[in-house]
Amino acid sequence: MFYWLMKMIVGPVLRLAFRPWSRGAHHVPQEGPAILASNHLAVIDSFVLPLTVPRKVQFLGKSDYFTGSGLKGRITAGFMKGVGTVPVDRSGGRASEAALRTGLRLLSEDELLGIYPEGTRSPDGRLYRGKTGVARLALESGAPVIPVAMIGSDVAQPIGRTIPRPKRIGVVYGEPLDFSRYKGMEEDRFILRSVTDEIVYAIMSLSGQEYVDLYAATAKARLAQGVPIEADGATTAGAPGGRPVPDLVLPVAPDEPATTDGDRPADAEPGPPASSVD
């Protein structure tokens, strides 16, 4: 109930500030369990993505969002609860297993589960190596995985900025990925890595991001220590799993002129036209 109340009250404000647009939302099933696997550029991602689909989206979020003190802590916890975030301990080990079980419970209840395979926000706008938790969720639940690309949320809310700027944000959905062929193989780490790489590759194809074969958390730790991300040669590695690099197309809003981003060509993605959700 609180989720829908927040969506009714806060949703119009977010729509006005970010004028969200979407493409491919028809790929999200109207009912039944599904996993929305998205890149992660800013905290605001978890607020904007749910605006583009009619169903409730529940995210697995770090428990720190719910334990802050003072007025700011209460506001943060309220907002995270309002956008459907479920608190989990992501410190690793048994905590990671508990998070997995929480995700499986939500999927068994036919929920729409949002997850960020990179595990944390990108430190520089590039796409980082996915963690295999998303693969375990997919294989154990049997739910389809819909790859998602957030576009422009890092411009609205760069790293270090608490209050986002009113910039337009897009959400691009890809075709559902079916991993039923791997049923019963969720303990095989090679299968888990292959499935994860396939999911991240699909996200890369939608977002037009450059890929870095390194965990985002590791990249952040290096930056915090003053060490370059590419210190040991772990730089761009083509695409996840050694796949060929797809055409890196940067999607743009439906009513804005196509522009190139560096060496990336202008948006020319075929398929259903993008829709505005203003």
Protein backbone atom coordinates (compact mmCIF):
# COMPACT_ATOMS: atom_id res chain seq x y z
CA MET A 1 0.00 0.00 0.00
CA PHE A 2 2.79 2.41 0.95
CA TYR A 3 4.51 1.72 -2.38
CA TRP A 4 1.47 2.83 -4.40
CA LEU A 5 0.87 5.80 -2.12
CA MET A 6 4.46 6.94 -2.65
CA LYS A 7 4.14 6.38 -6.39
CA MET A 8 1.01 8.54 -6.49
CA ILE A 9 2.51 11.33 -4.39
CA VAL A 10 6.19 11.34 -5.33
CA GLY A 11 5.77 9.96 -8.86
CA PRO A 12 4.45 13.21 -10.37
CA VAL A 13 7.35 15.14 -8.85
CA LEU A 14 9.88 12.70 -10.28
CA ARG A 15 8.18 12.79 -13.68
CA LEU A 16 8.34 16.57 -13.71
CA ALA A 17 12.01 16.61 -12.70
CA PHE A 18 13.32 13.80 -14.91
CA ARG A 19 10.73 13.52 -17.71
CA PRO A 20 11.42 9.76 -17.98
CA TRP A 21 11.14 8.07 -21.35
CA SER A 22 11.16 4.38 -22.06
CA ARG A 23 11.64 1.92 -24.88
CA GLY A 24 10.72 -1.78 -24.92
CA ALA A 25 8.58 -1.75 -21.77
CA HIS A 26 6.31 -4.26 -23.53
CA HIS A 27 8.99 -6.87 -22.80
CA VAL A 28 8.09 -6.76 -19.09
CA PRO A 29 5.45 -9.44 -18.40
CA GLN A 30 2.14 -8.17 -17.05
CA GLU A 31 2.09 -10.89 -14.41
CA GLY A 32 4.26 -13.64 -12.97
CA PRO A 33 7.84 -13.55 -11.69
CA ALA A 34 10.57 -11.77 -13.65
CA ILE A 35 13.97 -10.27 -12.97
CA LEU A 36 14.83 -6.77 -14.18
CA ALA A 37 18.63 -6.78 -14.48
CA SER A 38 19.88 -3.23 -14.91
CA ASN A 39 23.07 -1.27 -15.14
CA HIS A 40 23.54 1.06 -12.17
CA LEU A 41 24.65 4.65 -12.70
CA ALA A 42 23.04 6.54 -9.79
CA VAL A 43 20.94 6.14 -6.66
CA ILE A 44 18.06 7.73 -8.58
CA ASP A 45 17.89 4.63 -10.81
CA SER A 46 15.73 2.84 -8.24
CA PHE A 47 13.31 5.78 -8.21
CA VAL A 48 12.98 6.35 -11.96
CA LEU A 49 12.85 2.78 -13.30
CA PRO A 50 9.55 1.93 -11.51
CA LEU A 51 7.89 4.94 -13.14
CA THR A 52 8.13 3.28 -16.55
CA VAL A 53 6.24 0.06 -15.75
CA PRO A 54 2.74 -0.36 -14.25
CA ARG A 55 3.77 -3.24 -11.97
CA LYS A 56 5.40 -2.91 -8.58
CA VAL A 57 9.18 -3.35 -8.75
CA GLN A 58 11.05 -4.57 -5.69
CA PHE A 59 14.80 -4.06 -5.41
CA LEU A 60 17.31 -5.74 -3.15
CA GLY A 61 19.13 -2.85 -1.46
CA LYS A 62 21.87 -2.62 1.14
CA SER A 63 20.54 -2.51 4.69
CA ASP A 64 22.56 0.67 5.38
CA TYR A 65 19.81 2.65 3.63
CA PHE A 66 17.43 1.68 6.43
CA THR A 67 19.65 2.19 9.47
CA GLY A 68 20.66 5.84 9.19
CA SER A 69 20.13 8.12 12.17
CA GLY A 70 18.34 11.44 12.47
CA LEU A 71 15.87 13.05 10.11
CA LYS A 72 17.97 12.29 7.03
CA GLY A 73 18.15 8.62 7.98
CA ARG A 74 14.39 8.39 8.45
CA ILE A 75 13.71 10.15 5.16
CA THR A 76 16.12 7.87 3.30
CA ALA A 77 14.59 4.75 4.85
CA GLY A 78 11.10 5.97 4.01
CA PHE A 79 11.98 6.68 0.40
CA MET A 80 13.73 3.35 -0.06
CA LYS A 81 10.77 1.51 1.40
CA GLY A 82 8.46 3.61 -0.75
CA VAL A 83 10.19 2.62 -3.99
CA GLY A 84 10.02 -1.07 -3.10
CA THR A 85 13.55 -1.62 -1.80
CA VAL A 86 13.96 -4.70 0.40
CA PRO A 87 16.86 -4.36 2.88
CA VAL A 88 19.52 -7.06 2.71
CA ASP A 89 22.97 -7.45 4.24
CA ARG A 90 25.45 -7.46 1.35
CA SER A 91 28.59 -8.01 3.40
CA GLY A 92 29.20 -11.43 1.85
CA GLY A 93 29.22 -15.04 3.05
CA ARG A 94 26.04 -16.01 4.87
CA ALA A 95 24.66 -12.51 4.31
CA SER A 96 24.86 -13.01 0.55
CA GLU A 97 23.02 -16.31 0.87
CA ALA A 98 20.30 -14.58 2.90
CA ALA A 99 19.94 -11.94 0.18
CA LEU A 100 19.60 -14.68 -2.42
CA ARG A 101 16.88 -16.37 -0.39
CA THR A 102 15.04 -13.07 -0.06
CA GLY A 103 15.12 -12.63 -3.83
CA LEU A 104 13.91 -16.18 -4.42
CA ARG A 105 11.05 -15.65 -1.96
CA LEU A 106 9.91 -12.55 -3.83
CA LEU A 107 10.05 -14.38 -7.15
CA SER A 108 8.10 -17.32 -5.71
CA GLU A 109 5.41 -14.78 -4.85
CA ASP A 110 5.26 -13.74 -8.54
CA GLU A 111 6.94 -10.40 -7.84
CA LEU A 112 8.93 -8.26 -10.27
CA LEU A 113 12.46 -8.17 -8.86
CA GLY A 114 14.93 -5.42 -9.73
CA ILE A 115 18.63 -6.18 -9.38
CA TYR A 116 21.91 -4.56 -10.35
CA PRO A 117 24.32 -7.30 -11.51
CA GLU A 118 27.33 -5.00 -11.03
CA GLY A 119 26.56 -4.98 -7.30
CA THR A 120 27.13 -1.24 -6.88
CA ARG A 121 27.05 1.97 -8.88
CA SER A 122 29.53 2.42 -11.69
CA PRO A 123 32.34 4.76 -10.57
CA ASP A 124 32.78 6.32 -14.02
CA GLY A 125 29.77 5.53 -16.20
CA ARG A 126 31.27 2.39 -17.73
CA LEU A 127 29.75 -1.08 -17.37
CA TYR A 128 31.54 -3.43 -14.96
CA ARG A 129 31.73 -7.18 -14.44
CA GLY A 130 28.55 -8.77 -13.15
CA LYS A 131 28.30 -10.76 -9.94
CA THR A 132 26.82 -14.23 -10.30
CA GLY A 133 23.97 -13.71 -7.84
CA VAL A 134 21.68 -12.70 -10.69
CA ALA A 135 22.45 -15.99 -12.45
CA ARG A 136 21.63 -18.03 -9.34
CA LEU A 137 18.34 -16.18 -8.96
CA ALA A 138 17.45 -16.88 -12.59
CA LEU A 139 18.38 -20.56 -12.52
CA GLU A 140 16.85 -21.40 -9.15
CA SER A 141 13.62 -19.50 -9.75
CA GLY A 142 13.20 -20.22 -13.46
CA ALA A 143 12.10 -16.59 -13.91
CA PRO A 144 12.95 -14.78 -17.15
CA VAL A 145 15.57 -12.03 -17.04
CA ILE A 146 14.77 -8.73 -18.74
CA PRO A 147 17.95 -6.71 -19.36
CA VAL A 148 17.54 -3.00 -18.63
CA ALA A 149 19.65 0.05 -19.46
CA MET A 150 19.38 3.28 -17.49
CA ILE A 151 20.27 6.25 -19.68
CA GLY A 152 21.45 9.60 -18.35
CA SER A 153 20.86 9.05 -14.65
CA ASP A 154 24.57 9.63 -13.98
CA VAL A 155 24.23 13.04 -15.63
CA ALA A 156 21.33 13.89 -13.34
CA GLN A 157 23.11 12.54 -10.28
CA PRO A 158 26.89 12.16 -10.65
CA ILE A 159 28.85 10.29 -8.00
CA GLY A 160 29.00 12.40 -4.86
CA ARG A 161 25.88 14.44 -5.60
CA THR A 162 23.05 13.89 -3.11
CA ILE A 163 20.33 16.00 -4.73
CA PRO A 164 19.97 15.11 -8.43
CA ARG A 165 19.66 17.75 -11.13
CA PRO A 166 16.48 17.91 -13.23
CA LYS A 167 17.78 16.10 -16.30
CA ARG A 168 15.90 13.73 -18.60
CA ILE A 169 16.42 10.01 -17.85
CA GLY A 170 15.63 7.05 -20.08
CA VAL A 171 14.97 3.36 -19.44
CA VAL A 172 15.50 0.81 -22.23
CA TYR A 173 14.19 -2.76 -21.86
CA GLY A 174 15.51 -5.69 -23.88
CA GLU A 175 13.95 -8.98 -24.85
CA PRO A 176 13.54 -11.52 -22.02
CA LEU A 177 16.39 -13.99 -21.56
CA ASP A 178 15.41 -17.59 -20.88
CA PHE A 179 17.92 -19.77 -19.03
CA SER A 180 15.73 -22.84 -18.53
CA ARG A 181 18.32 -24.85 -20.49
CA TYR A 182 20.54 -24.66 -17.40
CA LYS A 183 17.93 -25.90 -14.93
CA GLY A 184 19.53 -27.83 -12.09
CA MET A 185 23.01 -26.42 -12.81
CA GLU A 186 22.90 -23.49 -10.39
CA GLU A 187 25.87 -24.87 -8.41
CA ASP A 188 28.16 -24.94 -11.46
CA ARG A 189 30.32 -21.83 -11.20
CA PHE A 190 31.21 -21.93 -14.89
CA ILE A 191 27.53 -21.93 -15.83
CA LEU A 192 26.85 -19.11 -13.38
CA ARG A 193 29.64 -17.03 -14.90
CA SER A 194 28.44 -17.74 -18.44
CA VAL A 195 24.85 -16.77 -17.61
CA THR A 196 25.98 -13.61 -15.82
CA ASP A 197 28.17 -12.59 -18.75
CA GLU A 198 25.26 -13.16 -21.13
CA ILE A 199 23.04 -10.88 -19.04
CA VAL A 200 25.67 -8.14 -18.80
CA TYR A 201 26.32 -8.43 -22.53
CA ALA A 202 22.63 -7.82 -23.18
CA ILE A 203 22.73 -4.75 -20.92
CA MET A 204 25.82 -3.50 -22.76
CA SER A 205 24.06 -3.89 -26.11
CA LEU A 206 21.17 -1.75 -24.82
CA SER A 207 23.14 0.93 -22.98
CA GLY A 208 26.04 1.52 -25.36
CA GLN A 209 28.44 1.52 -22.42
CA GLU A 210 32.10 0.60 -22.60
CA TYR A 211 32.81 -2.62 -20.68
CA VAL A 212 35.46 -3.11 -18.00
CA ASP A 213 36.30 -6.68 -16.96
CA LEU A 214 36.60 -5.78 -13.30
CA TYR A 215 34.15 -5.65 -10.41
CA ALA A 216 32.84 -2.13 -9.77
CA ALA A 217 33.53 -2.52 -6.05
CA THR A 218 37.18 -3.26 -6.82
CA ALA A 219 37.37 -0.22 -9.09
CA LYS A 220 35.92 1.97 -6.34
CA ALA A 221 38.41 0.61 -3.80
CA ARG A 222 41.29 1.42 -6.12
CA LEU A 223 40.06 4.95 -6.66
CA ALA A 224 39.68 5.42 -2.90
CA GLN A 225 43.33 4.38 -2.50
CA GLY A 226 44.48 6.70 -5.26
CA VAL A 227 45.28 3.77 -7.55
CA PRO A 228 44.18 3.92 -11.20
CA ILE A 229 41.42 1.48 -12.12
CA GLU A 230 43.60 0.13 -14.93
CA ALA A 231 46.62 -0.36 -12.64
CA ASP A 232 47.11 -4.05 -13.45
CA GLY A 233 45.96 -3.93 -17.02
CA ALA A 234 42.34 -4.76 -16.15
CA THR A 235 40.85 -2.31 -18.58
CA THR A 236 38.28 -2.68 -21.28
CA ALA A 237 38.10 -6.28 -22.40
CA GLY A 238 35.87 -6.12 -25.42
CA ALA A 239 32.67 -7.55 -24.02
CA PRO A 240 31.65 -9.94 -21.21
CA GLY A 241 32.84 -13.50 -21.64
CA GLY A 242 35.18 -12.60 -24.49
CA ARG A 243 32.27 -11.97 -26.84
CA PRO A 244 32.70 -9.62 -29.79
CA VAL A 245 31.91 -6.00 -28.99
CA PRO A 246 28.38 -5.11 -30.12
CA ASP A 247 27.61 -1.87 -31.95
CA LEU A 248 27.75 0.60 -29.07
CA VAL A 249 24.73 2.79 -29.66
CA LEU A 250 23.79 5.44 -27.12
CA PRO A 251 19.97 5.58 -26.94
CA VAL A 252 18.33 9.00 -26.92
CA ALA A 253 14.88 10.28 -25.98
CA PRO A 254 12.22 9.89 -28.71
CA ASP A 255 11.79 13.61 -29.24
CA GLU A 256 15.45 14.60 -29.15
CA PRO A 257 17.89 14.61 -32.09
CA ALA A 258 20.27 11.68 -32.27
CA THR A 259 23.81 12.55 -31.22
CA THR A 260 27.03 10.65 -31.17
CA ASP A 261 28.88 9.91 -27.96
CA GLY A 262 32.58 9.86 -28.62
CA ASP A 263 33.17 7.21 -31.25
CA ARG A 264 29.75 5.67 -30.72
CA PRO A 265 27.26 6.08 -33.56
CA ALA A 266 23.98 7.93 -33.17
CA ASP A 267 20.97 5.96 -31.98
CA ALA A 268 19.62 3.83 -34.78
CA GLU A 269 18.09 0.93 -32.86
CA PRO A 270 15.34 -0.83 -34.80
CA GLY A 271 12.18 -2.12 -33.19
CA PRO A 272 9.19 -0.55 -31.43
CA PRO A 273 9.41 3.22 -31.05
CA ALA A 274 10.28 4.70 -27.71
CA SER A 275 7.41 5.95 -25.60
CA SER A 276 7.30 8.91 -23.29
CA VAL A 277 5.96 8.37 -19.79
CA ASP A 278 5.71 12.02 -18.91
